[in-house]
Amino acid sequence: MEHICKSGIKGWKKRLRKNYSSLDELQRWDEMYGIVARLGYGSAEEAWKDNPMIEGSVNPSDFRRSE
């Protein structure tokens, strides 16, 4: 889904599980980029279970839990 992010550029918005194919994949990306903390969760398992709506773009500062 196309979305205008807080930076003003076009990005995307979708559920966490639509963006990552498995909990293992989320955990691997989290080790590199701290995704779970940026979304406000204490663990990847907690984020996976909650499956929040997230958004992002080519601008890393746009990656967040969607409002």
PDB file of N, CA and C in Angstrom:
ATOM      1  N   MET A   1       0.843  -1.171   0.000  1.00  0.00           N
ATOM      2  CA  MET A   1       0.000   0.000   0.000  1.00  0.00           C
ATOM      3  C   MET A   1       0.891   1.238   0.000  1.00  0.00           C
ATOM      4  N   GLU A   2       0.708   2.149  -0.959  1.00  0.00           N
ATOM      5  CA  GLU A   2       1.478   3.392  -1.009  1.00  0.00           C
ATOM      6  C   GLU A   2       1.001   4.316   0.097  1.00  0.00           C
ATOM      7  N   HIS A   3       1.942   5.041   0.671  1.00  0.00           N
ATOM      8  CA  HIS A   3       1.646   5.849   1.848  1.00  0.00           C
ATOM      9  C   HIS A   3       2.595   7.039   1.863  1.00  0.00           C
ATOM     10  N   ILE A   4       2.139   8.200   2.301  1.00  0.00           N
ATOM     11  CA  ILE A   4       3.022   9.358   2.479  1.00  0.00           C
ATOM     12  C   ILE A   4       3.495   9.338   3.929  1.00  0.00           C
ATOM     13  N   CYS A   5       4.802   9.237   4.103  1.00  0.00           N
ATOM     14  CA  CYS A   5       5.402   9.139   5.433  1.00  0.00           C
ATOM     15  C   CYS A   5       5.613  10.517   6.055  1.00  0.00           C
ATOM     16  N   LYS A   6       6.033  10.533   7.312  1.00  0.00           N
ATOM     17  CA  LYS A   6       6.252  11.790   8.028  1.00  0.00           C
ATOM     18  C   LYS A   6       7.291  12.676   7.350  1.00  0.00           C
ATOM     19  N   SER A   7       8.221  12.075   6.620  1.00  0.00           N
ATOM     20  CA  SER A   7       9.233  12.865   5.915  1.00  0.00           C
ATOM     21  C   SER A   7       8.636  13.571   4.696  1.00  0.00           C
ATOM     22  N   GLY A   8       7.430  13.151   4.300  1.00  0.00           N
ATOM     23  CA  GLY A   8       6.771  13.734   3.143  1.00  0.00           C
ATOM     24  C   GLY A   8       6.976  12.950   1.855  1.00  0.00           C
ATOM     25  N   ILE A   9       7.769  11.874   1.913  1.00  0.00           N
ATOM     26  CA  ILE A   9       7.992  11.079   0.708  1.00  0.00           C
ATOM     27  C   ILE A   9       7.090   9.848   0.700  1.00  0.00           C
ATOM     28  N   LYS A  10       6.911   9.295  -0.491  1.00  0.00           N
ATOM     29  CA  LYS A  10       6.087   8.094  -0.629  1.00  0.00           C
ATOM     30  C   LYS A  10       6.803   6.900  -0.024  1.00  0.00           C
ATOM     31  N   GLY A  11       6.056   6.114   0.689  1.00  0.00           N
ATOM     32  CA  GLY A  11       6.592   4.906   1.294  1.00  0.00           C
ATOM     33  C   GLY A  11       5.548   3.806   1.262  1.00  0.00           C
ATOM     34  N   TRP A  12       5.584   2.967   2.262  1.00  0.00           N
ATOM     35  CA  TRP A  12       4.673   1.829   2.345  1.00  0.00           C
ATOM     36  C   TRP A  12       4.123   1.739   3.759  1.00  0.00           C
ATOM     37  N   LYS A  13       3.028   1.001   3.897  1.00  0.00           N
ATOM     38  CA  LYS A  13       2.387   0.777   5.188  1.00  0.00           C
ATOM     39  C   LYS A  13       1.761  -0.607   5.129  1.00  0.00           C
ATOM     40  N   LYS A  14       2.135  -1.474   6.078  1.00  0.00           N
ATOM     41  CA  LYS A  14       1.572  -2.824   6.120  1.00  0.00           C
ATOM     42  C   LYS A  14       1.828  -3.465   7.474  1.00  0.00           C
ATOM     43  N   ARG A  15       1.202  -4.587   7.711  1.00  0.00           N
ATOM     44  CA  ARG A  15       1.398  -5.337   8.953  1.00  0.00           C
ATOM     45  C   ARG A  15       2.805  -5.928   8.991  1.00  0.00           C
ATOM     46  N   LEU A  16       3.339  -6.029  10.186  1.00  0.00           N
ATOM     47  CA  LEU A  16       4.689  -6.560  10.402  1.00  0.00           C
ATOM     48  C   LEU A  16       4.880  -7.905   9.715  1.00  0.00           C
ATOM     49  N   ARG A  17       3.921  -8.809   9.870  1.00  0.00           N
ATOM     50  CA  ARG A  17       4.061 -10.155   9.291  1.00  0.00           C
ATOM     51  C   ARG A  17       3.960 -10.157   7.771  1.00  0.00           C
ATOM     52  N   LYS A  18       3.442  -9.096   7.169  1.00  0.00           N
ATOM     53  CA  LYS A  18       3.430  -8.984   5.707  1.00  0.00           C
ATOM     54  C   LYS A  18       4.798  -8.511   5.204  1.00  0.00           C
ATOM     55  N   ASN A  19       5.558  -7.853   6.083  1.00  0.00           N
ATOM     56  CA  ASN A  19       6.869  -7.318   5.701  1.00  0.00           C
ATOM     57  C   ASN A  19       7.995  -8.322   5.942  1.00  0.00           C
ATOM     58  N   TYR A  20       7.840  -9.177   6.935  1.00  0.00           N
ATOM     59  CA  TYR A  20       8.839 -10.200   7.270  1.00  0.00           C
ATOM     60  C   TYR A  20       8.181 -11.565   7.160  1.00  0.00           C
ATOM     61  N   SER A  21       8.833 -12.497   6.504  1.00  0.00           N
ATOM     62  CA  SER A  21       8.212 -13.791   6.214  1.00  0.00           C
ATOM     63  C   SER A  21       8.143 -14.728   7.421  1.00  0.00           C
ATOM     64  N   SER A  22       8.963 -14.460   8.437  1.00  0.00           N
ATOM     65  CA  SER A  22       8.973 -15.331   9.617  1.00  0.00           C
ATOM     66  C   SER A  22       9.556 -14.584  10.812  1.00  0.00           C
ATOM     67  N   LEU A  23       9.337 -15.128  11.986  1.00  0.00           N
ATOM     68  CA  LEU A  23       9.939 -14.575  13.194  1.00  0.00           C
ATOM     69  C   LEU A  23      11.459 -14.606  13.080  1.00  0.00           C
ATOM     70  N   ASP A  24      12.024 -15.669  12.513  1.00  0.00           N
ATOM     71  CA  ASP A  24      13.478 -15.758  12.338  1.00  0.00           C
ATOM     72  C   ASP A  24      14.005 -14.621  11.468  1.00  0.00           C
ATOM     73  N   GLU A  25      13.294 -14.310  10.382  1.00  0.00           N
ATOM     74  CA  GLU A  25      13.729 -13.212   9.517  1.00  0.00           C
ATOM     75  C   GLU A  25      13.689 -11.891  10.283  1.00  0.00           C
ATOM     76  N   LEU A  26      12.610 -11.642  11.024  1.00  0.00           N
ATOM     77  CA  LEU A  26      12.512 -10.428  11.834  1.00  0.00           C
ATOM     78  C   LEU A  26      13.674 -10.345  12.812  1.00  0.00           C
ATOM     79  N   GLN A  27      13.996 -11.450  13.469  1.00  0.00           N
ATOM     80  CA  GLN A  27      15.089 -11.462  14.441  1.00  0.00           C
ATOM     81  C   GLN A  27      16.430 -11.154  13.776  1.00  0.00           C
ATOM     82  N   ARG A  28      16.661 -11.671  12.569  1.00  0.00           N
ATOM     83  CA  ARG A  28      17.922 -11.387  11.860  1.00  0.00           C
ATOM     84  C   ARG A  28      18.035  -9.909  11.511  1.00  0.00           C
ATOM     85  N   TRP A  29      16.962  -9.321  10.991  1.00  0.00           N
ATOM     86  CA  TRP A  29      16.983  -7.893  10.661  1.00  0.00           C
ATOM     87  C   TRP A  29      17.104  -7.059  11.937  1.00  0.00           C
ATOM     88  N   ASP A  30      16.466  -7.505  13.013  1.00  0.00           N
ATOM     89  CA  ASP A  30      16.528  -6.777  14.274  1.00  0.00           C
ATOM     90  C   ASP A  30      17.960  -6.724  14.810  1.00  0.00           C
ATOM     91  N   GLU A  31      18.709  -7.802  14.661  1.00  0.00           N
ATOM     92  CA  GLU A  31      20.109  -7.813  15.113  1.00  0.00           C
ATOM     93  C   GLU A  31      20.934  -6.740  14.416  1.00  0.00           C
ATOM     94  N   MET A  32      20.623  -6.471  13.155  1.00  0.00           N
ATOM     95  CA  MET A  32      21.379  -5.480  12.386  1.00  0.00           C
ATOM     96  C   MET A  32      20.877  -4.052  12.598  1.00  0.00           C
ATOM     97  N   TYR A  33      19.552  -3.882  12.709  1.00  0.00           N
ATOM     98  CA  TYR A  33      18.978  -2.543  12.675  1.00  0.00           C
ATOM     99  C   TYR A  33      18.161  -2.123  13.898  1.00  0.00           C
ATOM    100  N   GLY A  34      18.038  -2.974  14.891  1.00  0.00           N
ATOM    101  CA  GLY A  34      17.297  -2.618  16.099  1.00  0.00           C
ATOM    102  C   GLY A  34      15.822  -2.322  15.836  1.00  0.00           C
ATOM    103  N   ILE A  35      15.236  -3.086  14.946  1.00  0.00           N
ATOM    104  CA  ILE A  35      13.848  -2.872  14.517  1.00  0.00           C
ATOM    105  C   ILE A  35      12.867  -2.970  15.687  1.00  0.00           C
ATOM    106  N   VAL A  36      13.022  -3.959  16.511  1.00  0.00           N
ATOM    107  CA  VAL A  36      12.073  -4.218  17.596  1.00  0.00           C
ATOM    108  C   VAL A  36      12.001  -3.025  18.548  1.00  0.00           C
ATOM    109  N   ALA A  37      13.131  -2.507  18.954  1.00  0.00           N
ATOM    110  CA  ALA A  37      13.156  -1.343  19.849  1.00  0.00           C
ATOM    111  C   ALA A  37      12.574  -0.113  19.161  1.00  0.00           C
ATOM    112  N   ARG A  38      12.856   0.058  17.878  1.00  0.00           N
ATOM    113  CA  ARG A  38      12.314   1.202  17.143  1.00  0.00           C
ATOM    114  C   ARG A  38      10.793   1.152  17.073  1.00  0.00           C
ATOM    115  N   LEU A  39      10.245  -0.048  17.126  1.00  0.00           N
ATOM    116  CA  LEU A  39       8.793  -0.206  17.112  1.00  0.00           C
ATOM    117  C   LEU A  39       8.188  -0.149  18.511  1.00  0.00           C
ATOM    118  N   GLY A  40       9.047  -0.093  19.536  1.00  0.00           N
ATOM    119  CA  GLY A  40       8.569   0.026  20.911  1.00  0.00           C
ATOM    120  C   GLY A  40       8.312  -1.277  21.629  1.00  0.00           C
ATOM    121  N   TYR A  41       8.929  -2.364  21.165  1.00  0.00           N
ATOM    122  CA  TYR A  41       8.744  -3.677  21.789  1.00  0.00           C
ATOM    123  C   TYR A  41      10.015  -4.115  22.515  1.00  0.00           C
ATOM    124  N   GLY A  42       9.844  -4.999  23.485  1.00  0.00           N
ATOM    125  CA  GLY A  42      10.963  -5.527  24.244  1.00  0.00           C
ATOM    126  C   GLY A  42      11.602  -6.746  23.607  1.00  0.00           C
ATOM    127  N   SER A  43      10.872  -7.425  22.718  1.00  0.00           N
ATOM    128  CA  SER A  43      11.413  -8.614  22.066  1.00  0.00           C
ATOM    129  C   SER A  43      10.756  -8.799  20.698  1.00  0.00           C
ATOM    130  N   ALA A  44      11.451  -9.532  19.843  1.00  0.00           N
ATOM    131  CA  ALA A  44      10.912  -9.836  18.514  1.00  0.00           C
ATOM    132  C   ALA A  44       9.659 -10.694  18.635  1.00  0.00           C
ATOM    133  N   GLU A  45       9.637 -11.601  19.595  1.00  0.00           N
ATOM    134  CA  GLU A  45       8.472 -12.465  19.795  1.00  0.00           C
ATOM    135  C   GLU A  45       7.235 -11.649  20.129  1.00  0.00           C
ATOM    136  N   GLU A  46       7.408 -10.645  20.983  1.00  0.00           N
ATOM    137  CA  GLU A  46       6.298  -9.778  21.381  1.00  0.00           C
ATOM    138  C   GLU A  46       5.766  -8.996  20.163  1.00  0.00           C
ATOM    139  N   ALA A  47       6.675  -8.448  19.356  1.00  0.00           N
ATOM    140  CA  ALA A  47       6.270  -7.705  18.156  1.00  0.00           C
ATOM    141  C   ALA A  47       5.570  -8.636  17.167  1.00  0.00           C
ATOM    142  N   TRP A  48       6.118  -9.840  16.992  1.00  0.00           N
ATOM    143  CA  TRP A  48       5.532 -10.804  16.047  1.00  0.00           C
ATOM    144  C   TRP A  48       4.111 -11.171  16.460  1.00  0.00           C
ATOM    145  N   LYS A  49       3.924 -11.407  17.757  1.00  0.00           N
ATOM    146  CA  LYS A  49       2.606 -11.777  18.267  1.00  0.00           C
ATOM    147  C   LYS A  49       1.607 -10.633  18.090  1.00  0.00           C
ATOM    148  N   ASP A  50       2.034  -9.397  18.335  1.00  0.00           N
ATOM    149  CA  ASP A  50       1.152  -8.231  18.241  1.00  0.00           C
ATOM    150  C   ASP A  50       0.844  -7.858  16.789  1.00  0.00           C
ATOM    151  N   ASN A  51       1.808  -8.103  15.874  1.00  0.00           N
ATOM    152  CA  ASN A  51       1.640  -7.845  14.439  1.00  0.00           C
ATOM    153  C   ASN A  51       1.154  -6.420  14.150  1.00  0.00           C
ATOM    154  N   PRO A  52       1.912  -5.397  14.607  1.00  0.00           N
ATOM    155  CA  PRO A  52       1.451  -4.017  14.417  1.00  0.00           C
ATOM    156  C   PRO A  52       1.515  -3.574  12.959  1.00  0.00           C
ATOM    157  N   MET A  53       0.785  -2.517  12.644  1.00  0.00           N
ATOM    158  CA  MET A  53       0.895  -1.854  11.357  1.00  0.00           C
ATOM    159  C   MET A  53       2.190  -1.039  11.426  1.00  0.00           C
ATOM    160  N   ILE A  54       3.038  -1.184  10.413  1.00  0.00           N
ATOM    161  CA  ILE A  54       4.298  -0.446  10.358  1.00  0.00           C
ATOM    162  C   ILE A  54       4.362   0.329   9.050  1.00  0.00           C
ATOM    163  N   GLU A  55       5.250   1.314   9.003  1.00  0.00           N
ATOM    164  CA  GLU A  55       5.433   2.096   7.786  1.00  0.00           C
ATOM    165  C   GLU A  55       6.906   2.433   7.608  1.00  0.00           C
ATOM    166  N   GLY A  56       7.269   2.719   6.374  1.00  0.00           N
ATOM    167  CA  GLY A  56       8.643   3.085   6.085  1.00  0.00           C
ATOM    168  C   GLY A  56       8.797   3.547   4.654  1.00  0.00           C
ATOM    169  N   SER A  57      10.007   3.973   4.329  1.00  0.00           N
ATOM    170  CA  SER A  57      10.329   4.448   2.984  1.00  0.00           C
ATOM    171  C   SER A  57      11.828   4.241   2.764  1.00  0.00           C
ATOM    172  N   VAL A  58      12.359   4.873   1.749  1.00  0.00           N
ATOM    173  CA  VAL A  58      13.806   4.802   1.513  1.00  0.00           C
ATOM    174  C   VAL A  58      14.564   5.616   2.556  1.00  0.00           C
ATOM    175  N   ASN A  59      13.861   6.443   3.302  1.00  0.00           N
ATOM    176  CA  ASN A  59      14.453   7.236   4.381  1.00  0.00           C
ATOM    177  C   ASN A  59      14.347   6.419   5.670  1.00  0.00           C
ATOM    178  N   PRO A  60      15.467   5.981   6.242  1.00  0.00           N
ATOM    179  CA  PRO A  60      15.405   5.150   7.458  1.00  0.00           C
ATOM    180  C   PRO A  60      14.631   5.761   8.612  1.00  0.00           C
ATOM    181  N   SER A  61      14.596   7.092   8.694  1.00  0.00           N
ATOM    182  CA  SER A  61      13.869   7.731   9.803  1.00  0.00           C
ATOM    183  C   SER A  61      12.356   7.557   9.690  1.00  0.00           C
ATOM    184  N   ASP A  62      11.869   7.136   8.527  1.00  0.00           N
ATOM    185  CA  ASP A  62      10.437   6.900   8.342  1.00  0.00           C
ATOM    186  C   ASP A  62       9.980   5.556   8.900  1.00  0.00           C
ATOM    187  N   PHE A  63      10.890   4.649   9.228  1.00  0.00           N
ATOM    188  CA  PHE A  63      10.506   3.318   9.728  1.00  0.00           C
ATOM    189  C   PHE A  63       9.960   3.482  11.140  1.00  0.00           C
ATOM    190  N   ARG A  64       8.690   3.104  11.321  1.00  0.00           N
ATOM    191  CA  ARG A  64       8.054   3.235  12.628  1.00  0.00           C
ATOM    192  C   ARG A  64       6.776   2.420  12.695  1.00  0.00           C
ATOM    193  N   ARG A  65       6.261   2.342  13.890  1.00  0.00           N
ATOM    194  CA  ARG A  65       4.939   1.757  14.094  1.00  0.00           C
ATOM    195  C   ARG A  65       3.940   2.807  13.618  1.00  0.00           C
ATOM    196  N   SER A  66       3.015   2.405  12.798  1.00  0.00           N
ATOM    197  CA  SER A  66       2.067   3.347  12.212  1.00  0.00           C
ATOM    198  C   SER A  66       1.014   3.755  13.213  1.00  0.00           C
ATOM    199  N   GLU A  67       0.566   4.971  13.099  1.00  0.00           N
ATOM    200  CA  GLU A  67      -0.465   5.509  14.006  1.00  0.00           C
ATOM    201  C   GLU A  67      -1.845   5.179  13.525  1.00  0.00           C
TER     202      GLU A  67
END
